[in-house]
Amino acid sequence: MRAIRSLMNDFLPAFALLVASVVIGAVVMLTPRPDHAALIVFGPMTLVTEAVTRTVEAGWLPIASPRSFVIIARRHAGSEVRRPEGAFLLLDASGISGCFSLSSVEK
């Protein structure tokens, strides 16, 4: 039993480093960049009109809505953008470039 506990204690720093690197990598890769569009995800019961309104109020310009609770938006020129109220996720939309033409997502 002590051998197992000792082995677990030896691997704890490596496991913590692995988890930290995965989390940091995900945050860096999924955070929207200023020159990319964003994928904004609301709750599944959110109406499309409500999602679009919240997106516009936060300074984003909606360009597509594949689902009623998912909005693809780009930064509005000259305005400071923030996370829309009630949004669960705010992701970089360049990751979905296979689903749309690349020029429509990155403009």
Protein backbone atom coordinates (compact mmCIF):
# COMPACT_ATOMS: atom_id res chain seq x y z
CA MET A 1 0.00 0.00 0.00
CA ARG A 2 2.84 2.37 0.84
CA ALA A 3 4.53 1.57 -2.44
CA ILE A 4 1.42 2.60 -4.37
CA ARG A 5 1.04 5.80 -2.35
CA SER A 6 4.72 6.62 -2.89
CA LEU A 7 4.35 6.00 -6.61
CA MET A 8 1.27 8.25 -6.74
CA ASN A 9 3.14 11.00 -4.91
CA ASP A 10 5.97 10.73 -7.45
CA PHE A 11 3.59 11.18 -10.38
CA LEU A 12 1.48 13.95 -8.83
CA PRO A 13 3.66 16.85 -10.10
CA ALA A 14 3.73 15.38 -13.61
CA PHE A 15 -0.05 14.93 -13.59
CA ALA A 16 -0.57 18.50 -12.33
CA LEU A 17 1.72 19.81 -15.08
CA LEU A 18 -0.19 17.82 -17.69
CA VAL A 19 -3.56 19.16 -16.53
CA ALA A 20 -2.26 22.74 -16.33
CA SER A 21 -0.76 22.60 -19.82
CA VAL A 22 -3.98 21.23 -21.33
CA VAL A 23 -6.08 23.93 -19.66
CA ILE A 24 -3.72 26.74 -20.64
CA GLY A 25 -3.50 25.44 -24.20
CA ALA A 26 -7.27 25.24 -24.51
CA VAL A 27 -7.75 28.77 -23.18
CA VAL A 28 -5.13 30.21 -25.53
CA MET A 29 -6.42 28.36 -28.59
CA LEU A 30 -10.13 28.95 -28.00
CA THR A 31 -10.06 32.61 -26.93
CA PRO A 32 -11.25 34.77 -29.85
CA ARG A 33 -8.53 36.89 -31.43
CA PRO A 34 -9.29 40.48 -32.48
CA ASP A 35 -9.05 39.65 -36.20
CA HIS A 36 -11.19 36.47 -36.04
CA ALA A 37 -14.90 35.88 -35.75
CA ALA A 38 -16.32 34.41 -32.56
CA LEU A 39 -18.69 31.55 -31.88
CA ILE A 40 -21.06 32.61 -29.09
CA VAL A 41 -23.07 29.83 -27.43
CA PHE A 42 -26.12 30.58 -25.29
CA GLY A 43 -28.37 28.22 -23.35
CA PRO A 44 -30.35 25.80 -25.54
CA MET A 45 -33.67 27.38 -24.54
CA THR A 46 -32.55 30.85 -25.72
CA LEU A 47 -34.56 32.24 -28.64
CA VAL A 48 -32.61 33.41 -31.68
CA THR A 49 -33.94 36.98 -31.34
CA GLU A 50 -32.81 37.13 -27.72
CA ALA A 51 -29.37 35.71 -28.60
CA VAL A 52 -28.89 38.20 -31.44
CA THR A 53 -30.01 41.11 -29.24
CA ARG A 54 -27.56 40.16 -26.49
CA THR A 55 -24.78 39.75 -29.05
CA VAL A 56 -25.37 43.19 -30.55
CA GLU A 57 -25.60 44.81 -27.10
CA ALA A 58 -22.17 43.37 -26.27
CA GLY A 59 -20.62 45.04 -29.34
CA TRP A 60 -20.55 42.06 -31.71
CA LEU A 61 -21.94 42.02 -35.26
CA PRO A 62 -23.84 38.74 -35.90
CA ILE A 63 -23.09 37.14 -39.26
CA ALA A 64 -24.72 33.70 -38.93
CA SER A 65 -26.82 31.56 -36.63
CA PRO A 66 -26.53 27.83 -37.35
CA ARG A 67 -28.79 27.08 -34.34
CA SER A 68 -31.11 29.35 -32.38
CA PHE A 69 -28.71 29.44 -29.43
CA VAL A 70 -25.44 29.64 -31.42
CA ILE A 71 -24.32 32.92 -33.00
CA ILE A 72 -21.29 33.47 -35.22
CA ALA A 73 -20.27 37.10 -34.91
CA ARG A 74 -17.36 39.38 -35.68
CA ARG A 75 -16.14 42.44 -33.88
CA HIS A 76 -17.98 45.60 -34.83
CA ALA A 77 -15.53 48.19 -36.19
CA GLY A 78 -14.66 50.84 -33.64
CA SER A 79 -16.49 49.32 -30.69
CA GLU A 80 -15.17 47.58 -27.61
CA VAL A 81 -16.57 44.07 -27.37
CA ARG A 82 -17.31 42.04 -24.27
CA ARG A 83 -18.87 38.70 -23.42
CA PRO A 84 -22.61 38.81 -24.15
CA GLU A 85 -24.88 38.51 -21.14
CA GLY A 86 -26.02 34.92 -20.65
CA ALA A 87 -23.44 33.42 -23.02
CA PHE A 88 -22.08 30.04 -21.92
CA LEU A 89 -19.12 30.03 -24.30
CA LEU A 90 -17.21 32.58 -26.35
CA LEU A 91 -14.91 30.68 -28.72
CA ASP A 92 -12.68 31.49 -31.68
CA ALA A 93 -14.71 30.70 -34.80
CA SER A 94 -11.68 29.87 -36.92
CA GLY A 95 -11.98 26.34 -35.52
CA ILE A 96 -15.20 25.80 -37.47
CA SER A 97 -13.74 26.91 -40.78
CA GLY A 98 -14.45 23.46 -42.20
CA CYS A 99 -18.17 24.07 -41.74
CA PHE A 100 -18.26 27.43 -43.53
CA SER A 101 -16.19 29.13 -46.19
CA LEU A 102 -13.06 30.52 -44.56
CA SER A 103 -13.61 34.03 -45.92
CA SER A 104 -17.08 34.33 -44.38
CA VAL A 105 -15.86 33.32 -40.92
CA GLU A 106 -12.70 35.44 -40.76
CA LYS A 107 -14.07 38.69 -42.22
